[in-house]
Amino acid sequence: MNITITVPQEAASQRADSFLSTQLEDMTRSAVQSLIEDGAVLLRGRPIKKNYKVAAGDVLDVTVPEPKEVEITPENIPLDVVYEDGDIIVVNKPQGMVVHPAVGNWNGTLVNALMYHCGDSLSGINGELRPGIVHRIDKDTSGLLVVAKNDLAHQGLAEQIKEHSAGRRYYAVVMGNIREDSGTVDAPIARHKTDRKKMAVVPGGREAITHYEVLERYRGYTYMAFQLETGRTHQIRVHMAHLGHPIIGDPLYGSKADKWKLDGQCLHAGELRLRHPRTGEDMVFTAPLPPQFEAVLKKLRDHYGEI
């Protein structure tokens, strides 16, 4: 896979490996260093040196090798199927399930379950590791995903996601009280500079825009809805932590003052809208809040008082 990246003014003088690790979401700095050593990062057609410091306006051509093929095993894992036809399947992913296989999670993923449920009828555009997968949600985030059962559907859905005509509405409970009834967070996101498991708001990172709306307020907590204009890794979680209102239960970005002891963040993709890639029909799907989320709201309503 070939990627072209232009260096912005605010990233000037950074080491190339550090800069590129903020731009390539799925790659660590050490992985980027390996690419540079292998001559896979070019500037004006020539490989850069491992200690090269980028300049504003540099255009870097990066060749990222395709993931090594592994055999993915279909598994008879129950799926909460919200809708299915010959082109698409919409599922309500439970909290705790990884979407697609990767190092450390080769089994028990949504893809393993889909391969058992759908057989060979999944789009092959994303290769053997991610068949049919058009978009993702985090392991500990629950909610709706649409999966493509053929390449026509995959291409149509991917285009809708790119142009923002398809999308999801998320729900979360965050720490603290949000003053505004609605607003937008426009803050670039990249890999955290010291903790490689995390993302962070980083000047020069990839554009990230989150729209939010307050649904209910309680003493010390806010129930919110979100719409994404971009789809960065951990975007809602990072943006809310950046605002000082992390999502309760979040193991990566949460507050030390969080006493809820939840199994993962209280974040749910509860509504999905799209245009059917074959018929052109506008479709809207909904999934109820999971039991853990409902229990949190009940406790807030019963004991924390709406304000």
C-alpha atoms as a PDB file:
ATOM      1  CA  MET A   1       0.000   0.000   0.000  1.00  0.00           C
ATOM      2  CA  ASN A   2       1.399   3.395  -1.024  1.00  0.00           C
ATOM      3  CA  ILE A   3       0.675   6.495   1.052  1.00  0.00           C
ATOM      4  CA  THR A   4       1.677  10.084   0.277  1.00  0.00           C
ATOM      5  CA  ILE A   5       2.033  12.455   3.219  1.00  0.00           C
ATOM      6  CA  THR A   6       2.796  16.190   3.076  1.00  0.00           C
ATOM      7  CA  VAL A   7       4.534  17.658   6.112  1.00  0.00           C
ATOM      8  CA  PRO A   8       2.642  20.633   7.636  1.00  0.00           C
ATOM      9  CA  GLN A   9       4.410  23.717   8.968  1.00  0.00           C
ATOM     10  CA  GLU A  10       3.793  22.769  12.612  1.00  0.00           C
ATOM     11  CA  ALA A  11       5.633  19.456  12.164  1.00  0.00           C
ATOM     12  CA  ALA A  12       8.812  20.986  10.714  1.00  0.00           C
ATOM     13  CA  SER A  13      12.091  19.791  12.278  1.00  0.00           C
ATOM     14  CA  GLN A  14      10.566  16.614  13.745  1.00  0.00           C
ATOM     15  CA  ARG A  15      12.395  13.366  13.143  1.00  0.00           C
ATOM     16  CA  ALA A  16      10.796  11.546  10.259  1.00  0.00           C
ATOM     17  CA  ASP A  17      10.097   8.401  12.293  1.00  0.00           C
ATOM     18  CA  SER A  18       8.389  10.425  15.014  1.00  0.00           C
ATOM     19  CA  PHE A  19       6.328  12.433  12.510  1.00  0.00           C
ATOM     20  CA  LEU A  20       5.240   9.411  10.464  1.00  0.00           C
ATOM     21  CA  SER A  21       4.202   7.448  13.555  1.00  0.00           C
ATOM     22  CA  THR A  22       1.656  10.219  14.234  1.00  0.00           C
ATOM     23  CA  GLN A  23       0.310   9.975  10.684  1.00  0.00           C
ATOM     24  CA  LEU A  24       0.121   6.194  10.289  1.00  0.00           C
ATOM     25  CA  GLU A  25      -2.404   5.202  12.947  1.00  0.00           C
ATOM     26  CA  ASP A  26      -1.682   1.479  12.959  1.00  0.00           C
ATOM     27  CA  MET A  27       2.126   1.753  13.074  1.00  0.00           C
ATOM     28  CA  THR A  28       4.439   2.234  16.032  1.00  0.00           C
ATOM     29  CA  ARG A  29       7.571   4.366  15.844  1.00  0.00           C
ATOM     30  CA  SER A  30       9.747   1.239  15.744  1.00  0.00           C
ATOM     31  CA  ALA A  31       7.705  -0.090  12.813  1.00  0.00           C
ATOM     32  CA  VAL A  32       8.199   3.211  10.972  1.00  0.00           C
ATOM     33  CA  GLN A  33      11.936   3.028  11.682  1.00  0.00           C
ATOM     34  CA  SER A  34      11.983  -0.407  10.048  1.00  0.00           C
ATOM     35  CA  LEU A  35      10.258   1.022   6.969  1.00  0.00           C
ATOM     36  CA  ILE A  36      12.872   3.781   6.746  1.00  0.00           C
ATOM     37  CA  GLU A  37      15.726   1.278   7.129  1.00  0.00           C
ATOM     38  CA  ASP A  38      14.182  -0.839   4.362  1.00  0.00           C
ATOM     39  CA  GLY A  39      14.099   2.174   2.004  1.00  0.00           C
ATOM     40  CA  ALA A  40      10.293   2.299   1.988  1.00  0.00           C
ATOM     41  CA  VAL A  41      10.071   6.042   2.748  1.00  0.00           C
ATOM     42  CA  LEU A  42      11.019   8.265  -0.174  1.00  0.00           C
ATOM     43  CA  LEU A  43      11.558  12.013  -0.496  1.00  0.00           C
ATOM     44  CA  ARG A  44      11.777  13.248  -4.085  1.00  0.00           C
ATOM     45  CA  GLY A  45      12.261   9.643  -5.190  1.00  0.00           C
ATOM     46  CA  ARG A  46      15.150   8.849  -2.844  1.00  0.00           C
ATOM     47  CA  PRO A  47      15.102   6.929   0.450  1.00  0.00           C
ATOM     48  CA  ILE A  48      15.476   9.107   3.529  1.00  0.00           C
ATOM     49  CA  LYS A  49      17.976   8.427   6.321  1.00  0.00           C
ATOM     50  CA  LYS A  50      16.755   7.191   9.697  1.00  0.00           C
ATOM     51  CA  ASN A  51      17.756  10.443  11.429  1.00  0.00           C
ATOM     52  CA  TYR A  52      16.223  12.743   8.785  1.00  0.00           C
ATOM     53  CA  LYS A  53      14.288  15.725  10.135  1.00  0.00           C
ATOM     54  CA  VAL A  54      11.317  16.705   8.018  1.00  0.00           C
ATOM     55  CA  ALA A  55      10.779  20.174   6.578  1.00  0.00           C
ATOM     56  CA  ALA A  56       7.485  21.935   5.945  1.00  0.00           C
ATOM     57  CA  GLY A  57       6.218  20.987   2.509  1.00  0.00           C
ATOM     58  CA  ASP A  58       8.166  17.735   2.260  1.00  0.00           C
ATOM     59  CA  VAL A  59       6.164  15.129   0.353  1.00  0.00           C
ATOM     60  CA  LEU A  60       6.961  11.667   1.691  1.00  0.00           C
ATOM     61  CA  ASP A  61       6.021   8.569  -0.271  1.00  0.00           C
ATOM     62  CA  VAL A  62       5.569   5.623   2.088  1.00  0.00           C
ATOM     63  CA  THR A  63       5.198   2.012   1.018  1.00  0.00           C
ATOM     64  CA  VAL A  64       3.496  -0.011   3.752  1.00  0.00           C
ATOM     65  CA  PRO A  65       3.725  -3.775   3.220  1.00  0.00           C
ATOM     66  CA  GLU A  66       0.519  -5.743   3.138  1.00  0.00           C
ATOM     67  CA  PRO A  67      -0.116  -7.767   6.308  1.00  0.00           C
ATOM     68  CA  LYS A  68       1.081 -11.346   6.196  1.00  0.00           C
ATOM     69  CA  GLU A  69      -1.687 -13.710   5.255  1.00  0.00           C
ATOM     70  CA  VAL A  70      -2.936 -15.951   8.043  1.00  0.00           C
ATOM     71  CA  GLU A  71      -5.713 -18.481   8.069  1.00  0.00           C
ATOM     72  CA  ILE A  72      -8.804 -17.060   9.771  1.00  0.00           C
ATOM     73  CA  THR A  73     -11.076 -19.730  11.180  1.00  0.00           C
ATOM     74  CA  PRO A  74     -14.871 -19.390  11.047  1.00  0.00           C
ATOM     75  CA  GLU A  75     -16.317 -19.673  14.557  1.00  0.00           C
ATOM     76  CA  ASN A  76     -19.870 -20.362  15.658  1.00  0.00           C
ATOM     77  CA  ILE A  77     -20.215 -17.235  17.794  1.00  0.00           C
ATOM     78  CA  PRO A  78     -23.759 -15.839  18.219  1.00  0.00           C
ATOM     79  CA  LEU A  79     -24.389 -12.576  16.365  1.00  0.00           C
ATOM     80  CA  ASP A  80     -27.015  -9.941  17.092  1.00  0.00           C
ATOM     81  CA  VAL A  81     -28.116  -9.414  13.490  1.00  0.00           C
ATOM     82  CA  VAL A  82     -30.205  -6.253  13.094  1.00  0.00           C
ATOM     83  CA  TYR A  83     -30.636  -6.546   9.309  1.00  0.00           C
ATOM     84  CA  GLU A  84     -29.375  -8.775   6.503  1.00  0.00           C
ATOM     85  CA  ASP A  85     -29.891  -9.179   2.767  1.00  0.00           C
ATOM     86  CA  GLY A  86     -27.745 -10.318  -0.149  1.00  0.00           C
ATOM     87  CA  ASP A  87     -25.530  -7.222  -0.045  1.00  0.00           C
ATOM     88  CA  ILE A  88     -25.131  -6.093   3.565  1.00  0.00           C
ATOM     89  CA  ILE A  89     -25.427  -7.317   7.115  1.00  0.00           C
ATOM     90  CA  VAL A  90     -25.893  -4.946  10.057  1.00  0.00           C
ATOM     91  CA  VAL A  91     -24.826  -6.281  13.452  1.00  0.00           C
ATOM     92  CA  ASN A  92     -24.967  -4.963  17.008  1.00  0.00           C
ATOM     93  CA  LYS A  93     -21.468  -5.719  18.311  1.00  0.00           C
ATOM     94  CA  PRO A  94     -21.274  -6.509  22.028  1.00  0.00           C
ATOM     95  CA  GLN A  95     -18.826  -4.809  24.323  1.00  0.00           C
ATOM     96  CA  GLY A  96     -15.611  -6.809  24.620  1.00  0.00           C
ATOM     97  CA  MET A  97     -15.564  -8.210  21.065  1.00  0.00           C
ATOM     98  CA  VAL A  98     -12.683  -7.271  18.750  1.00  0.00           C
ATOM     99  CA  VAL A  99     -13.826  -6.443  15.204  1.00  0.00           C
ATOM    100  CA  HIS A 100     -11.119  -8.179  13.173  1.00  0.00           C
ATOM    101  CA  PRO A 101      -8.167 -10.507  13.853  1.00  0.00           C
ATOM    102  CA  ALA A 102      -4.780  -9.001  14.703  1.00  0.00           C
ATOM    103  CA  VAL A 103      -1.745  -9.868  16.782  1.00  0.00           C
ATOM    104  CA  GLY A 104      -2.983 -11.124  20.137  1.00  0.00           C
ATOM    105  CA  ASN A 105      -6.577 -11.546  18.906  1.00  0.00           C
ATOM    106  CA  TRP A 106      -6.702 -14.157  16.163  1.00  0.00           C
ATOM    107  CA  ASN A 107      -9.868 -15.809  17.460  1.00  0.00           C
ATOM    108  CA  GLY A 108     -13.226 -14.771  18.877  1.00  0.00           C
ATOM    109  CA  THR A 109     -13.525 -11.670  16.703  1.00  0.00           C
ATOM    110  CA  LEU A 110     -16.496 -10.341  14.782  1.00  0.00           C
ATOM    111  CA  VAL A 111     -14.827 -11.454  11.545  1.00  0.00           C
ATOM    112  CA  ASN A 112     -14.528 -15.036  12.839  1.00  0.00           C
ATOM    113  CA  ALA A 113     -18.250 -14.969  13.650  1.00  0.00           C
ATOM    114  CA  LEU A 114     -19.187 -13.394  10.304  1.00  0.00           C
ATOM    115  CA  MET A 115     -17.217 -15.997   8.351  1.00  0.00           C
ATOM    116  CA  TYR A 116     -19.238 -18.743  10.043  1.00  0.00           C
ATOM    117  CA  HIS A 117     -22.546 -16.900   9.574  1.00  0.00           C
ATOM    118  CA  CYS A 118     -22.005 -15.702   5.995  1.00  0.00           C
ATOM    119  CA  GLY A 119     -19.729 -18.374   4.561  1.00  0.00           C
ATOM    120  CA  ASP A 120     -17.908 -17.077   1.487  1.00  0.00           C
ATOM    121  CA  SER A 121     -20.296 -14.162   0.952  1.00  0.00           C
ATOM    122  CA  LEU A 122     -18.164 -11.320   2.337  1.00  0.00           C
ATOM    123  CA  SER A 123     -16.413  -8.597   0.373  1.00  0.00           C
ATOM    124  CA  GLY A 124     -12.760  -9.384  -0.342  1.00  0.00           C
ATOM    125  CA  ILE A 125     -11.612  -5.775  -0.744  1.00  0.00           C
ATOM    126  CA  ASN A 126      -9.930  -5.581   2.676  1.00  0.00           C
ATOM    127  CA  GLY A 127      -8.199  -8.939   2.286  1.00  0.00           C
ATOM    128  CA  GLU A 128      -8.366 -12.061   4.431  1.00  0.00           C
ATOM    129  CA  LEU A 129      -7.895 -10.273   7.759  1.00  0.00           C
ATOM    130  CA  ARG A 130     -10.822  -7.882   7.355  1.00  0.00           C
ATOM    131  CA  PRO A 131     -13.308  -9.404   4.886  1.00  0.00           C
ATOM    132  CA  GLY A 132     -16.393  -7.229   4.525  1.00  0.00           C
ATOM    133  CA  ILE A 133     -15.245  -4.727   7.150  1.00  0.00           C
ATOM    134  CA  VAL A 134     -16.046  -1.174   6.050  1.00  0.00           C
ATOM    135  CA  HIS A 135     -15.701   0.595   9.414  1.00  0.00           C
ATOM    136  CA  ARG A 136     -14.791  -0.378  12.967  1.00  0.00           C
ATOM    137  CA  ILE A 137     -15.523   0.361  16.601  1.00  0.00           C
ATOM    138  CA  ASP A 138     -13.270  -0.280  19.584  1.00  0.00           C
ATOM    139  CA  LYS A 139     -13.261  -3.597  21.431  1.00  0.00           C
ATOM    140  CA  ASP A 140     -14.969  -2.174  24.520  1.00  0.00           C
ATOM    141  CA  THR A 141     -17.409   0.024  22.593  1.00  0.00           C
ATOM    142  CA  SER A 142     -20.721  -1.631  21.733  1.00  0.00           C
ATOM    143  CA  GLY A 143     -23.054  -0.933  18.851  1.00  0.00           C
ATOM    144  CA  LEU A 144     -23.851  -1.014  15.173  1.00  0.00           C
ATOM    145  CA  LEU A 145     -21.644  -1.872  12.225  1.00  0.00           C
ATOM    146  CA  VAL A 146     -22.533  -2.535   8.610  1.00  0.00           C
ATOM    147  CA  VAL A 147     -20.579  -5.266   6.840  1.00  0.00           C
ATOM    148  CA  ALA A 148     -20.351  -5.669   3.055  1.00  0.00           C
ATOM    149  CA  LYS A 149     -21.197  -9.056   1.571  1.00  0.00           C
ATOM    150  CA  ASN A 150     -19.775  -8.255  -1.874  1.00  0.00           C
ATOM    151  CA  ASP A 151     -17.402  -5.770  -3.490  1.00  0.00           C
ATOM    152  CA  LEU A 152     -20.177  -3.637  -4.990  1.00  0.00           C
ATOM    153  CA  ALA A 153     -21.629  -3.083  -1.532  1.00  0.00           C
ATOM    154  CA  HIS A 154     -18.193  -2.443  -0.032  1.00  0.00           C
ATOM    155  CA  GLN A 155     -17.312   0.226  -2.584  1.00  0.00           C
ATOM    156  CA  GLY A 156     -20.696   1.925  -2.213  1.00  0.00           C
ATOM    157  CA  LEU A 157     -20.573   1.968   1.575  1.00  0.00           C
ATOM    158  CA  ALA A 158     -16.954   3.141   1.674  1.00  0.00           C
ATOM    159  CA  GLU A 159     -17.836   6.073  -0.582  1.00  0.00           C
ATOM    160  CA  GLN A 160     -20.764   7.033   1.675  1.00  0.00           C
ATOM    161  CA  ILE A 161     -18.531   6.975   4.735  1.00  0.00           C
ATOM    162  CA  LYS A 162     -15.931   9.085   2.941  1.00  0.00           C
ATOM    163  CA  GLU A 163     -18.496  11.720   1.928  1.00  0.00           C
ATOM    164  CA  HIS A 164     -20.272  11.566   5.345  1.00  0.00           C
ATOM    165  CA  SER A 165     -23.637  10.526   3.891  1.00  0.00           C
ATOM    166  CA  ALA A 166     -23.457   7.410   6.087  1.00  0.00           C
ATOM    167  CA  GLY A 167     -22.629   7.512   9.755  1.00  0.00           C
ATOM    168  CA  ARG A 168     -23.408   6.561  13.320  1.00  0.00           C
ATOM    169  CA  ARG A 169     -24.793   8.319  16.364  1.00  0.00           C
ATOM    170  CA  TYR A 170     -22.990   7.399  19.563  1.00  0.00           C
ATOM    171  CA  TYR A 171     -24.093   7.689  23.182  1.00  0.00           C
ATOM    172  CA  ALA A 172     -21.863   8.042  26.249  1.00  0.00           C
ATOM    173  CA  VAL A 173     -21.782   9.096  29.875  1.00  0.00           C
ATOM    174  CA  VAL A 174     -18.850  11.359  30.729  1.00  0.00           C
ATOM    175  CA  MET A 175     -17.331  12.705  33.922  1.00  0.00           C
ATOM    176  CA  GLY A 176     -18.333  16.227  34.935  1.00  0.00           C
ATOM    177  CA  ASN A 177     -20.880  18.664  33.532  1.00  0.00           C
ATOM    178  CA  ILE A 178     -20.701  20.059  30.001  1.00  0.00           C
ATOM    179  CA  ARG A 179     -21.817  23.689  30.006  1.00  0.00           C
ATOM    180  CA  GLU A 180     -22.925  23.977  26.377  1.00  0.00           C
ATOM    181  CA  ASP A 181     -25.987  22.133  25.117  1.00  0.00           C
ATOM    182  CA  SER A 182     -24.099  21.280  21.923  1.00  0.00           C
ATOM    183  CA  GLY A 183     -20.751  21.931  20.315  1.00  0.00           C
ATOM    184  CA  THR A 184     -17.882  20.696  18.173  1.00  0.00           C
ATOM    185  CA  VAL A 185     -14.398  19.494  19.045  1.00  0.00           C
ATOM    186  CA  ASP A 186     -11.944  20.168  16.215  1.00  0.00           C
ATOM    187  CA  ALA A 187      -8.573  18.871  17.424  1.00  0.00           C
ATOM    188  CA  PRO A 188      -6.022  16.765  15.476  1.00  0.00           C
ATOM    189  CA  ILE A 189      -5.293  13.252  16.713  1.00  0.00           C
ATOM    190  CA  ALA A 190      -2.139  11.158  16.434  1.00  0.00           C
ATOM    191  CA  ARG A 191      -0.336   8.404  18.295  1.00  0.00           C
ATOM    192  CA  HIS A 192       0.642   9.415  21.844  1.00  0.00           C
ATOM    193  CA  LYS A 193       4.330  10.356  21.910  1.00  0.00           C
ATOM    194  CA  THR A 194       5.250   8.202  24.911  1.00  0.00           C
ATOM    195  CA  ASP A 195       2.414   5.696  25.412  1.00  0.00           C
ATOM    196  CA  ARG A 196       2.081   3.837  22.113  1.00  0.00           C
ATOM    197  CA  LYS A 197      -1.183   2.163  23.156  1.00  0.00           C
ATOM    198  CA  LYS A 198      -2.903   5.534  23.259  1.00  0.00           C
ATOM    199  CA  MET A 199      -3.878   8.272  20.858  1.00  0.00           C
ATOM    200  CA  ALA A 200      -3.753  11.960  21.805  1.00  0.00           C
ATOM    201  CA  VAL A 201      -4.542  15.445  20.580  1.00  0.00           C
ATOM    202  CA  VAL A 202      -1.288  16.355  18.839  1.00  0.00           C
ATOM    203  CA  PRO A 203      -0.522  19.484  16.758  1.00  0.00           C
ATOM    204  CA  GLY A 204       0.164  18.299  13.220  1.00  0.00           C
ATOM    205  CA  GLY A 205      -1.833  15.099  13.740  1.00  0.00           C
ATOM    206  CA  ARG A 206      -4.667  13.964  11.487  1.00  0.00           C
ATOM    207  CA  GLU A 207      -7.777  16.134  11.342  1.00  0.00           C
ATOM    208  CA  ALA A 208     -10.432  14.971  13.816  1.00  0.00           C
ATOM    209  CA  ILE A 209     -13.874  16.564  14.241  1.00  0.00           C
ATOM    210  CA  THR A 210     -16.517  15.441  16.741  1.00  0.00           C
ATOM    211  CA  HIS A 211     -19.964  17.015  17.142  1.00  0.00           C
ATOM    212  CA  TYR A 212     -21.700  16.572  20.485  1.00  0.00           C
ATOM    213  CA  GLU A 213     -25.077  17.162  22.102  1.00  0.00           C
ATOM    214  CA  VAL A 214     -26.054  17.030  25.778  1.00  0.00           C
ATOM    215  CA  LEU A 215     -29.006  14.727  26.466  1.00  0.00           C
ATOM    216  CA  GLU A 216     -29.190  14.761  30.280  1.00  0.00           C
ATOM    217  CA  ARG A 217     -27.184  16.342  33.108  1.00  0.00           C
ATOM    218  CA  TYR A 218     -26.638  14.898  36.586  1.00  0.00           C
ATOM    219  CA  ARG A 219     -24.531  15.911  39.551  1.00  0.00           C
ATOM    220  CA  GLY A 220     -21.016  15.223  38.332  1.00  0.00           C
ATOM    221  CA  TYR A 221     -21.967  13.469  35.078  1.00  0.00           C
ATOM    222  CA  THR A 222     -23.359  14.183  31.607  1.00  0.00           C
ATOM    223  CA  TYR A 223     -25.229  11.853  29.233  1.00  0.00           C
ATOM    224  CA  MET A 224     -24.291  12.806  25.658  1.00  0.00           C
ATOM    225  CA  ALA A 225     -24.716  11.984  21.976  1.00  0.00           C
ATOM    226  CA  PHE A 226     -22.003  12.267  19.311  1.00  0.00           C
ATOM    227  CA  GLN A 227     -21.681  12.436  15.527  1.00  0.00           C
ATOM    228  CA  LEU A 228     -18.282  11.957  13.901  1.00  0.00           C
ATOM    229  CA  GLU A 229     -17.126  13.972  10.913  1.00  0.00           C
ATOM    230  CA  THR A 230     -13.877  11.984  10.794  1.00  0.00           C
ATOM    231  CA  GLY A 231     -13.089   8.464  11.930  1.00  0.00           C
ATOM    232  CA  ARG A 232      -9.834   8.502  13.874  1.00  0.00           C
ATOM    233  CA  THR A 233      -8.836   5.756  16.269  1.00  0.00           C
ATOM    234  CA  HIS A 234     -10.465   6.306  19.712  1.00  0.00           C
ATOM    235  CA  GLN A 235     -11.715   9.693  18.479  1.00  0.00           C
ATOM    236  CA  ILE A 236     -14.618  10.320  20.887  1.00  0.00           C
ATOM    237  CA  ARG A 237     -12.646   8.945  23.831  1.00  0.00           C
ATOM    238  CA  VAL A 238      -9.613  11.117  23.074  1.00  0.00           C
ATOM    239  CA  HIS A 239     -11.627  14.287  22.429  1.00  0.00           C
ATOM    240  CA  MET A 240     -13.652  13.979  25.627  1.00  0.00           C
ATOM    241  CA  ALA A 241     -10.557  13.290  27.711  1.00  0.00           C
ATOM    242  CA  HIS A 242      -8.944  16.308  26.044  1.00  0.00           C
ATOM    243  CA  LEU A 243     -11.888  18.446  27.185  1.00  0.00           C
ATOM    244  CA  GLY A 244     -11.461  17.173  30.729  1.00  0.00           C
ATOM    245  CA  HIS A 245     -14.624  15.033  30.556  1.00  0.00           C
ATOM    246  CA  PRO A 246     -13.456  11.438  29.965  1.00  0.00           C
ATOM    247  CA  ILE A 247     -16.000   8.701  29.356  1.00  0.00           C
ATOM    248  CA  ILE A 248     -16.709   6.694  32.509  1.00  0.00           C
ATOM    249  CA  GLY A 249     -15.210   3.214  32.534  1.00  0.00           C
ATOM    250  CA  ASP A 250     -12.558   4.098  29.938  1.00  0.00           C
ATOM    251  CA  PRO A 251      -9.465   2.010  30.780  1.00  0.00           C
ATOM    252  CA  LEU A 252      -7.105   4.120  28.625  1.00  0.00           C
ATOM    253  CA  TYR A 253      -8.336   7.702  28.883  1.00  0.00           C
ATOM    254  CA  GLY A 254     -10.466   7.588  32.019  1.00  0.00           C
ATOM    255  CA  SER A 255     -10.177   9.627  35.212  1.00  0.00           C
ATOM    256  CA  LYS A 256      -8.597   8.320  38.429  1.00  0.00           C
ATOM    257  CA  ALA A 257     -11.712   9.683  40.143  1.00  0.00           C
ATOM    258  CA  ASP A 258     -13.910   7.225  38.205  1.00  0.00           C
ATOM    259  CA  LYS A 259     -15.476   4.876  40.782  1.00  0.00           C
ATOM    260  CA  TRP A 260     -17.890   3.002  38.508  1.00  0.00           C
ATOM    261  CA  LYS A 261     -15.781  -0.166  37.987  1.00  0.00           C
ATOM    262  CA  LEU A 262     -17.271  -0.910  34.575  1.00  0.00           C
ATOM    263  CA  ASP A 263     -16.140  -3.443  31.996  1.00  0.00           C
ATOM    264  CA  GLY A 264     -14.897  -0.887  29.501  1.00  0.00           C
ATOM    265  CA  GLN A 265     -16.065   2.561  28.488  1.00  0.00           C
ATOM    266  CA  CYS A 266     -19.734   3.549  28.614  1.00  0.00           C
ATOM    267  CA  LEU A 267     -19.905   4.244  24.862  1.00  0.00           C
ATOM    268  CA  HIS A 268     -22.451   2.804  22.414  1.00  0.00           C
ATOM    269  CA  ALA A 269     -23.034   3.266  18.671  1.00  0.00           C
ATOM    270  CA  GLY A 270     -26.812   3.258  18.915  1.00  0.00           C
ATOM    271  CA  GLU A 271     -27.908   4.525  15.503  1.00  0.00           C
ATOM    272  CA  LEU A 272     -26.622   3.818  11.993  1.00  0.00           C
ATOM    273  CA  ARG A 273     -27.811   5.572   8.847  1.00  0.00           C
ATOM    274  CA  LEU A 274     -26.857   4.638   5.285  1.00  0.00           C
ATOM    275  CA  ARG A 275     -28.094   4.414   1.723  1.00  0.00           C
ATOM    276  CA  HIS A 276     -28.446   0.861   0.481  1.00  0.00           C
ATOM    277  CA  PRO A 277     -25.567   0.370  -1.993  1.00  0.00           C
ATOM    278  CA  ARG A 278     -27.738  -1.476  -4.528  1.00  0.00           C
ATOM    279  CA  THR A 279     -31.270  -0.064  -4.184  1.00  0.00           C
ATOM    280  CA  GLY A 280     -30.412   3.487  -3.076  1.00  0.00           C
ATOM    281  CA  GLU A 281     -32.945   3.247  -0.233  1.00  0.00           C
ATOM    282  CA  ASP A 282     -32.235   5.439   2.801  1.00  0.00           C
ATOM    283  CA  MET A 283     -32.015   3.177   5.841  1.00  0.00           C
ATOM    284  CA  VAL A 284     -31.770   3.866   9.573  1.00  0.00           C
ATOM    285  CA  PHE A 285     -30.990   1.178  12.155  1.00  0.00           C
ATOM    286  CA  THR A 286     -31.054   1.427  15.939  1.00  0.00           C
ATOM    287  CA  ALA A 287     -29.716  -0.734  18.750  1.00  0.00           C
ATOM    288  CA  PRO A 288     -30.783  -0.399  22.394  1.00  0.00           C
ATOM    289  CA  LEU A 289     -28.288   0.579  25.057  1.00  0.00           C
ATOM    290  CA  PRO A 290     -26.555  -2.487  26.542  1.00  0.00           C
ATOM    291  CA  PRO A 291     -27.490  -3.563  30.099  1.00  0.00           C
ATOM    292  CA  GLN A 292     -24.381  -2.032  31.693  1.00  0.00           C
ATOM    293  CA  PHE A 293     -25.157   1.350  30.103  1.00  0.00           C
ATOM    294  CA  GLU A 294     -28.822   1.186  31.152  1.00  0.00           C
ATOM    295  CA  ALA A 295     -27.767   0.350  34.720  1.00  0.00           C
ATOM    296  CA  VAL A 296     -25.526   3.429  34.814  1.00  0.00           C
ATOM    297  CA  LEU A 297     -28.337   5.701  33.634  1.00  0.00           C
ATOM    298  CA  LYS A 298     -30.773   4.198  36.148  1.00  0.00           C
ATOM    299  CA  LYS A 299     -28.351   4.819  38.993  1.00  0.00           C
ATOM    300  CA  LEU A 300     -27.732   8.390  37.809  1.00  0.00           C
ATOM    301  CA  ARG A 301     -31.460   9.087  37.553  1.00  0.00           C
ATOM    302  CA  ASP A 302     -32.216   7.472  40.915  1.00  0.00           C
ATOM    303  CA  HIS A 303     -29.330   8.788  43.002  1.00  0.00           C
ATOM    304  CA  TYR A 304     -27.548  11.682  41.292  1.00  0.00           C
ATOM    305  CA  GLY A 305     -30.506  13.870  40.320  1.00  0.00           C
ATOM    306  CA  GLU A 306     -31.022  15.447  36.900  1.00  0.00           C
ATOM    307  CA  ILE A 307     -29.933  19.101  36.763  1.00  0.00           C
END
